[in-house]
C-alpha atoms as a PDB file:
ATOM      1  CA  UNK A   1       4.199  -6.283 -47.023  1.00  0.00           C
ATOM      2  CA  UNK A   2       6.008  -3.364 -47.044  1.00  0.00           C
ATOM      3  CA  UNK A   3       6.062  -1.268 -43.965  1.00  0.00           C
ATOM      4  CA  UNK A   4       4.582   2.059 -43.566  1.00  0.00           C
ATOM      5  CA  UNK A   5       7.291   4.749 -43.723  1.00  0.00           C
ATOM      6  CA  UNK A   6       8.151   6.923 -40.371  1.00  0.00           C
ATOM      7  CA  UNK A   7       7.065  10.391 -40.251  1.00  0.00           C
ATOM      8  CA  UNK A   8       9.880  13.041 -39.479  1.00  0.00           C
ATOM      9  CA  UNK A   9       8.194  13.143 -35.965  1.00  0.00           C
ATOM     10  CA  UNK A  10       8.354   9.468 -35.327  1.00  0.00           C
ATOM     11  CA  UNK A  11      11.747   9.451 -37.151  1.00  0.00           C
ATOM     12  CA  UNK A  12      13.045  12.162 -34.627  1.00  0.00           C
ATOM     13  CA  UNK A  13      11.517  10.409 -31.318  1.00  0.00           C
ATOM     14  CA  UNK A  14      12.950   7.157 -32.083  1.00  0.00           C
ATOM     15  CA  UNK A  15      16.214   8.858 -32.666  1.00  0.00           C
ATOM     16  CA  UNK A  16      15.486  10.385 -29.466  1.00  0.00           C
ATOM     17  CA  UNK A  17      14.842   6.803 -27.450  1.00  0.00           C
ATOM     18  CA  UNK A  18      17.920   5.450 -28.913  1.00  0.00           C
ATOM     19  CA  UNK A  19      20.518   8.321 -27.905  1.00  0.00           C
ATOM     20  CA  UNK A  20      18.502   7.773 -24.336  1.00  0.00           C
ATOM     21  CA  UNK A  21      18.935   4.211 -24.074  1.00  0.00           C
ATOM     22  CA  UNK A  22      22.760   4.514 -25.569  1.00  0.00           C
ATOM     23  CA  UNK A  23      23.479   7.652 -22.566  1.00  0.00           C
ATOM     24  CA  UNK A  24      21.623   5.546 -20.005  1.00  0.00           C
ATOM     25  CA  UNK A  25      23.663   2.387 -20.520  1.00  0.00           C
ATOM     26  CA  UNK A  26      27.075   4.278 -21.081  1.00  0.00           C
ATOM     27  CA  UNK A  27      26.352   5.842 -17.327  1.00  0.00           C
ATOM     28  CA  UNK A  28      25.284   2.639 -16.013  1.00  0.00           C
ATOM     29  CA  UNK A  29      28.591   0.579 -17.620  1.00  0.00           C
ATOM     30  CA  UNK A  30      30.723   3.517 -15.716  1.00  0.00           C
ATOM     31  CA  UNK A  31      29.582   3.020 -12.451  1.00  0.00           C
ATOM     32  CA  UNK A  32      29.321  -0.493 -12.515  1.00  0.00           C
ATOM     33  CA  UNK A  33      33.054  -0.410 -13.533  1.00  0.00           C
ATOM     34  CA  UNK A  34      33.711   2.393 -11.030  1.00  0.00           C
ATOM     35  CA  UNK A  35      32.226   0.255  -8.123  1.00  0.00           C
ATOM     36  CA  UNK A  36      34.221  -3.145  -9.336  1.00  0.00           C
ATOM     37  CA  UNK A  37      37.585  -1.369  -9.549  1.00  0.00           C
ATOM     38  CA  UNK A  38      37.204   0.928  -6.201  1.00  0.00           C
ATOM     39  CA  UNK A  39      35.514  -1.399  -4.154  1.00  0.00           C
ATOM     40  CA  UNK A  40      38.183  -3.977  -3.985  1.00  0.00           C
ATOM     41  CA  UNK A  41      40.974  -1.084  -3.308  1.00  0.00           C
ATOM     42  CA  UNK A  42      39.398  -0.568   0.420  1.00  0.00           C
ATOM     43  CA  UNK A  43      41.698  -1.360   2.820  1.00  0.00           C
ATOM     44  CA  UNK A  44      39.058  -3.500   4.395  1.00  0.00           C
ATOM     45  CA  UNK A  45      37.819  -5.374   1.405  1.00  0.00           C
ATOM     46  CA  UNK A  46      39.412  -8.690   1.938  1.00  0.00           C
ATOM     47  CA  UNK A  47      38.160  -8.962   5.662  1.00  0.00           C
ATOM     48  CA  UNK A  48      34.515  -8.210   4.391  1.00  0.00           C
ATOM     49  CA  UNK A  49      34.680 -10.525   1.810  1.00  0.00           C
ATOM     50  CA  UNK A  50      35.769 -13.219   3.810  1.00  0.00           C
ATOM     51  CA  UNK A  51      32.914 -12.290   6.262  1.00  0.00           C
ATOM     52  CA  UNK A  52      29.881 -11.682   3.854  1.00  0.00           C
ATOM     53  CA  UNK A  53      30.725 -13.139   0.524  1.00  0.00           C
ATOM     54  CA  UNK A  54      32.701 -16.513   1.550  1.00  0.00           C
ATOM     55  CA  UNK A  55      31.611 -19.079  -1.309  1.00  0.00           C
ATOM     56  CA  UNK A  56      32.483 -22.429   0.697  1.00  0.00           C
ATOM     57  CA  UNK A  57      29.754 -20.963   3.677  1.00  0.00           C
ATOM     58  CA  UNK A  58      27.123 -19.867   1.049  1.00  0.00           C
ATOM     59  CA  UNK A  59      27.508 -23.282  -0.421  1.00  0.00           C
ATOM     60  CA  UNK A  60      26.999 -25.067   2.744  1.00  0.00           C
ATOM     61  CA  UNK A  61      24.386 -22.940   3.585  1.00  0.00           C
ATOM     62  CA  UNK A  62      21.996 -22.099   0.716  1.00  0.00           C
ATOM     63  CA  UNK A  63      20.205 -25.337   0.956  1.00  0.00           C
ATOM     64  CA  UNK A  64      19.158 -25.020   4.393  1.00  0.00           C
ATOM     65  CA  UNK A  65      18.160 -21.498   3.544  1.00  0.00           C
ATOM     66  CA  UNK A  66      16.238 -22.490   0.798  1.00  0.00           C
ATOM     67  CA  UNK A  67      14.219 -24.890   3.015  1.00  0.00           C
ATOM     68  CA  UNK A  68      13.402 -22.521   5.859  1.00  0.00           C
ATOM     69  CA  UNK A  69      12.320 -20.046   2.763  1.00  0.00           C
ATOM     70  CA  UNK A  70       9.141 -22.621   2.185  1.00  0.00           C
ATOM     71  CA  UNK A  71       8.058 -21.607   5.703  1.00  0.00           C
ATOM     72  CA  UNK A  72       7.626 -18.150   4.710  1.00  0.00           C
ATOM     73  CA  UNK A  73       6.134 -18.898   1.431  1.00  0.00           C
ATOM     74  CA  UNK A  74       3.526 -20.864   3.304  1.00  0.00           C
ATOM     75  CA  UNK A  75       2.969 -18.261   5.876  1.00  0.00           C
ATOM     76  CA  UNK A  76       2.253 -15.830   3.054  1.00  0.00           C
ATOM     77  CA  UNK A  77       0.218 -18.139   1.258  1.00  0.00           C
ATOM     78  CA  UNK A  78      -2.207 -18.737   3.925  1.00  0.00           C
ATOM     79  CA  UNK A  79      -1.971 -14.809   5.346  1.00  0.00           C
ATOM     80  CA  UNK A  80      -2.801 -13.580   1.733  1.00  0.00           C
ATOM     81  CA  UNK A  81      -6.229 -14.241   0.940  1.00  0.00           C
ATOM     82  CA  UNK A  82      -7.194 -13.756   4.693  1.00  0.00           C
ATOM     83  CA  UNK A  83      -5.756 -10.054   3.973  1.00  0.00           C
ATOM     84  CA  UNK A  84      -7.566  -9.696   1.053  1.00  0.00           C
ATOM     85  CA  UNK A  85     -11.007 -10.529   2.329  1.00  0.00           C
ATOM     86  CA  UNK A  86     -10.813  -8.787   5.875  1.00  0.00           C
ATOM     87  CA  UNK A  87      -9.469  -5.969   3.662  1.00  0.00           C
ATOM     88  CA  UNK A  88     -12.665  -5.947   1.265  1.00  0.00           C
ATOM     89  CA  UNK A  89     -14.727  -6.133   3.972  1.00  0.00           C
ATOM     90  CA  UNK A  90     -13.432  -3.344   5.991  1.00  0.00           C
ATOM     91  CA  UNK A  91     -13.434  -1.236   2.956  1.00  0.00           C
ATOM     92  CA  UNK A  92     -17.050  -1.817   2.284  1.00  0.00           C
ATOM     93  CA  UNK A  93     -17.605  -1.231   5.545  1.00  0.00           C
ATOM     94  CA  UNK A  94     -16.077   1.924   5.253  1.00  0.00           C
ATOM     95  CA  UNK A  95     -18.348   2.996   2.468  1.00  0.00           C
ATOM     96  CA  UNK A  96     -21.806   1.878   4.304  1.00  0.00           C
ATOM     97  CA  UNK A  97     -24.023   4.605   3.919  1.00  0.00           C
ATOM     98  CA  UNK A  98     -27.021   3.541   5.993  1.00  0.00           C
ATOM     99  CA  UNK A  99     -27.178   5.507   9.770  1.00  0.00           C
ATOM    100  CA  UNK A 100     -28.367   2.145  11.032  1.00  0.00           C
ATOM    101  CA  UNK A 101     -25.149   0.653   9.823  1.00  0.00           C
ATOM    102  CA  UNK A 102     -22.723   3.339  11.493  1.00  0.00           C
ATOM    103  CA  UNK A 103     -21.156   1.307  13.796  1.00  0.00           C
ATOM    104  CA  UNK A 104     -19.820  -0.935  11.213  1.00  0.00           C
ATOM    105  CA  UNK A 105     -18.331   2.022   9.445  1.00  0.00           C
ATOM    106  CA  UNK A 106     -16.887   3.549  13.182  1.00  0.00           C
ATOM    107  CA  UNK A 107     -15.700  -0.134  13.599  1.00  0.00           C
ATOM    108  CA  UNK A 108     -13.591  -0.203   9.956  1.00  0.00           C
ATOM    109  CA  UNK A 109     -12.452   3.531  10.755  1.00  0.00           C
ATOM    110  CA  UNK A 110     -10.791   2.714  13.964  1.00  0.00           C
ATOM    111  CA  UNK A 111      -9.206  -0.678  12.989  1.00  0.00           C
ATOM    112  CA  UNK A 112      -7.597   0.811   9.987  1.00  0.00           C
ATOM    113  CA  UNK A 113      -6.653   3.943  12.316  1.00  0.00           C
ATOM    114  CA  UNK A 114      -5.259   1.691  15.157  1.00  0.00           C
ATOM    115  CA  UNK A 115      -3.147  -0.899  13.063  1.00  0.00           C
ATOM    116  CA  UNK A 116      -2.136   1.797  10.494  1.00  0.00           C
ATOM    117  CA  UNK A 117      -0.633   3.510  13.279  1.00  0.00           C
ATOM    118  CA  UNK A 118       1.221   0.487  14.775  1.00  0.00           C
ATOM    119  CA  UNK A 119       4.609  -0.383  13.489  1.00  0.00           C
ATOM    120  CA  UNK A 120       4.386  -4.449  12.320  1.00  0.00           C
ATOM    121  CA  UNK A 121       7.057  -5.549  14.863  1.00  0.00           C
ATOM    122  CA  UNK A 122       5.452  -3.850  17.822  1.00  0.00           C
ATOM    123  CA  UNK A 123       1.836  -6.177  16.705  1.00  0.00           C
ATOM    124  CA  UNK A 124       3.765  -9.183  16.325  1.00  0.00           C
ATOM    125  CA  UNK A 125       5.266  -8.856  19.925  1.00  0.00           C
ATOM    126  CA  UNK A 126       1.856  -7.754  21.282  1.00  0.00           C
ATOM    127  CA  UNK A 127      -0.080 -10.171  19.644  1.00  0.00           C
ATOM    128  CA  UNK A 128       2.463 -13.301  19.134  1.00  0.00           C
ATOM    129  CA  UNK A 129       3.391 -12.953  23.009  1.00  0.00           C
ATOM    130  CA  UNK A 130       0.273 -11.730  24.696  1.00  0.00           C
ATOM    131  CA  UNK A 131      -2.166 -14.169  23.411  1.00  0.00           C
ATOM    132  CA  UNK A 132      -0.566 -17.148  24.258  1.00  0.00           C
ATOM    133  CA  UNK A 133       0.109 -15.759  27.449  1.00  0.00           C
ATOM    134  CA  UNK A 134      -3.329 -16.491  28.505  1.00  0.00           C
ATOM    135  CA  UNK A 135      -2.158 -20.075  29.108  1.00  0.00           C
ATOM    136  CA  UNK A 136      -4.138 -21.787  25.786  1.00  0.00           C
ATOM    137  CA  UNK A 137      -3.518 -25.176  25.441  1.00  0.00           C
ATOM    138  CA  UNK A 138      -1.741 -26.405  22.247  1.00  0.00           C
ATOM    139  CA  UNK A 139      -1.832 -25.639  19.444  1.00  0.00           C
ATOM    140  CA  UNK A 140      -3.536 -22.470  20.061  1.00  0.00           C
ATOM    141  CA  UNK A 141      -0.512 -21.232  21.762  1.00  0.00           C
ATOM    142  CA  UNK A 142       1.361 -21.337  18.611  1.00  0.00           C
ATOM    143  CA  UNK A 143       3.593 -18.669  17.402  1.00  0.00           C
ATOM    144  CA  UNK A 144       2.959 -19.187  13.846  1.00  0.00           C
ATOM    145  CA  UNK A 145      -1.122 -18.645  14.653  1.00  0.00           C
ATOM    146  CA  UNK A 146      -0.596 -15.499  16.248  1.00  0.00           C
ATOM    147  CA  UNK A 147       1.819 -14.322  14.089  1.00  0.00           C
ATOM    148  CA  UNK A 148       0.196 -14.394  11.224  1.00  0.00           C
ATOM    149  CA  UNK A 149      -2.923 -13.012  12.742  1.00  0.00           C
ATOM    150  CA  UNK A 150      -0.682  -9.998  13.498  1.00  0.00           C
ATOM    151  CA  UNK A 151       0.398  -9.689   9.935  1.00  0.00           C
ATOM    152  CA  UNK A 152      -3.083 -10.198   8.895  1.00  0.00           C
ATOM    153  CA  UNK A 153      -4.260  -7.183  11.274  1.00  0.00           C
ATOM    154  CA  UNK A 154      -1.821  -5.021   9.974  1.00  0.00           C
ATOM    155  CA  UNK A 155      -1.868  -5.602   6.454  1.00  0.00           C
ATOM    156  CA  UNK A 156      -5.775  -6.022   6.186  1.00  0.00           C
ATOM    157  CA  UNK A 157      -5.869  -2.120   7.125  1.00  0.00           C
ATOM    158  CA  UNK A 158      -3.792  -1.136   4.622  1.00  0.00           C
ATOM    159  CA  UNK A 159      -5.186  -3.148   1.719  1.00  0.00           C
ATOM    160  CA  UNK A 160      -8.983  -1.481   3.310  1.00  0.00           C
ATOM    161  CA  UNK A 161      -7.468   1.634   2.757  1.00  0.00           C
ATOM    162  CA  UNK A 162      -5.867   0.678  -0.862  1.00  0.00           C
ATOM    163  CA  UNK A 163      -9.452  -0.811  -1.915  1.00  0.00           C
ATOM    164  CA  UNK A 164     -11.370   2.340  -0.551  1.00  0.00           C
ATOM    165  CA  UNK A 165      -9.383   4.476  -2.487  1.00  0.00           C
ATOM    166  CA  UNK A 166     -10.298   2.452  -5.661  1.00  0.00           C
ATOM    167  CA  UNK A 167     -14.092   2.514  -4.374  1.00  0.00           C
ATOM    168  CA  UNK A 168     -13.816   6.627  -3.980  1.00  0.00           C
ATOM    169  CA  UNK A 169     -12.741   6.978  -7.292  1.00  0.00           C
ATOM    170  CA  UNK A 170     -15.675   5.532  -9.049  1.00  0.00           C
ATOM    171  CA  UNK A 171     -17.856   8.685  -9.965  1.00  0.00           C
ATOM    172  CA  UNK A 172     -20.846   9.019  -8.104  1.00  0.00           C
ATOM    173  CA  UNK A 173     -22.814   9.281 -11.105  1.00  0.00           C
ATOM    174  CA  UNK A 174     -22.381   5.310 -12.023  1.00  0.00           C
ATOM    175  CA  UNK A 175     -24.217   4.714  -8.262  1.00  0.00           C
ATOM    176  CA  UNK A 176     -27.037   6.985  -9.452  1.00  0.00           C
ATOM    177  CA  UNK A 177     -27.477   5.257 -12.597  1.00  0.00           C
ATOM    178  CA  UNK A 178     -27.621   1.955 -11.076  1.00  0.00           C
ATOM    179  CA  UNK A 179     -30.013   3.057  -8.576  1.00  0.00           C
ATOM    180  CA  UNK A 180     -32.476   4.609 -11.166  1.00  0.00           C
ATOM    181  CA  UNK A 181     -32.139   0.892 -13.440  1.00  0.00           C
ATOM    182  CA  UNK A 182     -33.447  -0.490  -9.956  1.00  0.00           C
ATOM    183  CA  UNK A 183     -30.271  -2.051  -8.452  1.00  0.00           C
ATOM    184  CA  UNK A 184     -30.117  -2.041  -4.515  1.00  0.00           C
ATOM    185  CA  UNK A 185     -27.648  -0.358  -2.623  1.00  0.00           C
ATOM    186  CA  UNK A 186     -25.729  -3.679  -2.226  1.00  0.00           C
ATOM    187  CA  UNK A 187     -25.841  -5.065  -5.683  1.00  0.00           C
ATOM    188  CA  UNK A 188     -24.861  -1.643  -7.088  1.00  0.00           C
ATOM    189  CA  UNK A 189     -21.792  -2.174  -4.806  1.00  0.00           C
ATOM    190  CA  UNK A 190     -21.533  -5.646  -5.972  1.00  0.00           C
ATOM    191  CA  UNK A 191     -21.704  -5.509  -9.912  1.00  0.00           C
ATOM    192  CA  UNK A 192     -20.989  -1.633 -10.598  1.00  0.00           C
ATOM    193  CA  UNK A 193     -18.618  -0.253  -8.262  1.00  0.00           C
ATOM    194  CA  UNK A 194     -16.330  -3.174  -6.791  1.00  0.00           C
ATOM    195  CA  UNK A 195     -15.516  -4.822 -10.511  1.00  0.00           C
ATOM    196  CA  UNK A 196     -14.087  -1.193 -11.455  1.00  0.00           C
ATOM    197  CA  UNK A 197     -12.675  -0.509  -7.885  1.00  0.00           C
ATOM    198  CA  UNK A 198     -10.586  -3.718  -7.676  1.00  0.00           C
ATOM    199  CA  UNK A 199      -9.177  -3.621 -11.127  1.00  0.00           C
ATOM    200  CA  UNK A 200      -7.664  -0.005 -10.287  1.00  0.00           C
ATOM    201  CA  UNK A 201      -6.083  -0.777  -7.054  1.00  0.00           C
ATOM    202  CA  UNK A 202      -4.248  -4.585  -8.114  1.00  0.00           C
ATOM    203  CA  UNK A 203      -0.973  -2.598  -8.800  1.00  0.00           C
ATOM    204  CA  UNK A 204      -1.232  -0.809  -5.289  1.00  0.00           C
ATOM    205  CA  UNK A 205      -2.196  -4.178  -3.525  1.00  0.00           C
ATOM    206  CA  UNK A 206       0.775  -6.137  -4.976  1.00  0.00           C
ATOM    207  CA  UNK A 207       3.102  -3.992  -3.790  1.00  0.00           C
ATOM    208  CA  UNK A 208       1.519  -4.399  -0.422  1.00  0.00           C
ATOM    209  CA  UNK A 209       1.591  -8.173  -0.679  1.00  0.00           C
ATOM    210  CA  UNK A 210       5.460  -7.868  -2.227  1.00  0.00           C
ATOM    211  CA  UNK A 211       5.998  -6.035   1.308  1.00  0.00           C
ATOM    212  CA  UNK A 212       4.196  -8.999   3.143  1.00  0.00           C
ATOM    213  CA  UNK A 213       6.767 -11.458   1.856  1.00  0.00           C
ATOM    214  CA  UNK A 214       9.075  -9.544   3.382  1.00  0.00           C
ATOM    215  CA  UNK A 215       7.976  -8.877   6.397  1.00  0.00           C
ATOM    216  CA  UNK A 216       6.946 -12.482   7.150  1.00  0.00           C
ATOM    217  CA  UNK A 217      10.529 -12.776   8.090  1.00  0.00           C
ATOM    218  CA  UNK A 218       9.745 -10.538  11.165  1.00  0.00           C
ATOM    219  CA  UNK A 219       7.903 -13.419  12.822  1.00  0.00           C
ATOM    220  CA  UNK A 220      11.128 -14.985  13.651  1.00  0.00           C
ATOM    221  CA  UNK A 221      11.192 -12.605  16.646  1.00  0.00           C
ATOM    222  CA  UNK A 222       8.790 -14.869  18.537  1.00  0.00           C
ATOM    223  CA  UNK A 223       9.924 -18.265  17.151  1.00  0.00           C
ATOM    224  CA  UNK A 224       9.008 -19.640  13.758  1.00  0.00           C
ATOM    225  CA  UNK A 225      12.434 -20.689  12.386  1.00  0.00           C
ATOM    226  CA  UNK A 226      12.100 -19.285   9.117  1.00  0.00           C
ATOM    227  CA  UNK A 227      14.945 -18.195   6.696  1.00  0.00           C
ATOM    228  CA  UNK A 228      15.892 -15.268   8.674  1.00  0.00           C
ATOM    229  CA  UNK A 229      16.067 -16.943  11.891  1.00  0.00           C
ATOM    230  CA  UNK A 230      17.665 -19.904   9.858  1.00  0.00           C
ATOM    231  CA  UNK A 231      20.380 -17.426   8.628  1.00  0.00           C
ATOM    232  CA  UNK A 232      21.035 -16.332  12.062  1.00  0.00           C
ATOM    233  CA  UNK A 233      21.746 -19.808  13.435  1.00  0.00           C
ATOM    234  CA  UNK A 234      23.941 -20.420  10.772  1.00  0.00           C
ATOM    235  CA  UNK A 235      25.881 -17.095  11.438  1.00  0.00           C
ATOM    236  CA  UNK A 236      26.036 -18.268  15.242  1.00  0.00           C
ATOM    237  CA  UNK A 237      27.655 -21.418  14.142  1.00  0.00           C
ATOM    238  CA  UNK A 238      30.077 -20.335  11.178  1.00  0.00           C
ATOM    239  CA  UNK A 239      30.985 -17.120  12.638  1.00  0.00           C
ATOM    240  CA  UNK A 240      30.052 -15.789   9.091  1.00  0.00           C
ATOM    241  CA  UNK A 241      27.574 -13.315   7.849  1.00  0.00           C
ATOM    242  CA  UNK A 242      27.331 -14.956   4.167  1.00  0.00           C
ATOM    243  CA  UNK A 243      23.832 -16.798   5.221  1.00  0.00           C
ATOM    244  CA  UNK A 244      22.357 -13.231   5.622  1.00  0.00           C
ATOM    245  CA  UNK A 245      23.661 -12.237   1.915  1.00  0.00           C
ATOM    246  CA  UNK A 246      22.399 -16.015   0.795  1.00  0.00           C
ATOM    247  CA  UNK A 247      18.778 -14.942   2.329  1.00  0.00           C
ATOM    248  CA  UNK A 248      19.003 -11.540   0.730  1.00  0.00           C
ATOM    249  CA  UNK A 249      19.500 -13.082  -2.772  1.00  0.00           C
ATOM    250  CA  UNK A 250      16.607 -15.706  -1.916  1.00  0.00           C
ATOM    251  CA  UNK A 251      14.005 -12.493  -1.255  1.00  0.00           C
ATOM    252  CA  UNK A 252      15.488 -10.854  -4.144  1.00  0.00           C
ATOM    253  CA  UNK A 253      14.817 -13.505  -6.400  1.00  0.00           C
ATOM    254  CA  UNK A 254      11.235 -13.825  -5.236  1.00  0.00           C
ATOM    255  CA  UNK A 255      10.738 -10.025  -5.174  1.00  0.00           C
ATOM    256  CA  UNK A 256      12.123  -8.261  -7.936  1.00  0.00           C
ATOM    257  CA  UNK A 257      10.004 -10.204 -10.618  1.00  0.00           C
ATOM    258  CA  UNK A 258       7.014  -9.545  -8.607  1.00  0.00           C
ATOM    259  CA  UNK A 259       7.932  -5.593  -8.464  1.00  0.00           C
ATOM    260  CA  UNK A 260       8.667  -5.513 -12.124  1.00  0.00           C
ATOM    261  CA  UNK A 261       5.379  -6.987 -12.675  1.00  0.00           C
ATOM    262  CA  UNK A 262       3.511  -4.467 -10.449  1.00  0.00           C
ATOM    263  CA  UNK A 263       5.339  -1.812 -12.271  1.00  0.00           C
ATOM    264  CA  UNK A 264       3.996  -3.191 -15.765  1.00  0.00           C
ATOM    265  CA  UNK A 265       0.369  -3.285 -14.413  1.00  0.00           C
ATOM    266  CA  UNK A 266       0.925   0.443 -13.282  1.00  0.00           C
ATOM    267  CA  UNK A 267       2.176   1.510 -16.533  1.00  0.00           C
ATOM    268  CA  UNK A 268      -0.386  -0.557 -18.661  1.00  0.00           C
ATOM    269  CA  UNK A 269      -3.177   0.998 -16.276  1.00  0.00           C
ATOM    270  CA  UNK A 270      -1.505   4.545 -16.848  1.00  0.00           C
ATOM    271  CA  UNK A 271      -1.440   4.302 -20.492  1.00  0.00           C
ATOM    272  CA  UNK A 272      -5.210   2.784 -20.483  1.00  0.00           C
ATOM    273  CA  UNK A 273      -6.188   6.067 -18.463  1.00  0.00           C
ATOM    274  CA  UNK A 274      -4.196   8.738 -20.728  1.00  0.00           C
END
């Protein structure tokens, strides 16, 4: 089966894409080559290589960092679904239109305003040290519980706003059509608005959950020995910063594929709309 010949326009566009690819590859190679050649020429490169890129220290500490990273993953796995559920509930509450339910809408507004306005690390300190300071018995004074709660509070506020933007993007005529067919307001939200809104905000929420995976490391400031704290322990024991580079590589191995997948979803969504 012979392929259909390209039109002059298609041939020109293909030629331009090949030209752009060659230029991009050439410029990238030139920059990488310059870095590889120039960085080792710096006066302090040998000291930096010994302190940050020590192969022996990396090999010795990397398995321990991987084990500590399992705690990061565990915290992420129990926080993510709770964030999604609370964020969805807050977004729906923000969209309530009944005057009798205005207190719920007001609570959602205040919640998102407060927790989007506070730095994550500040909320972790306030919740992680403040609530256990009430003298709660074990295990309710655990930093794992209250540190996770701090992440849930902050990230659910961001997720709620993203979902709310998706709800607001659904044209009002679709609500009117659903109501004219006899659907209640709750059924309209459940069967008409939310299915479309959730699909539209998946890429944006994926980026938030990628950020959550990184911010789990902030819990180390209130006690949990996850990968960041473990890297700090190794740094103190060996007087070497290479464990931090190992931790960075582990994070990148997880976040870069997830980021590329989020970009793929966003590009596919953009093409579907155009």
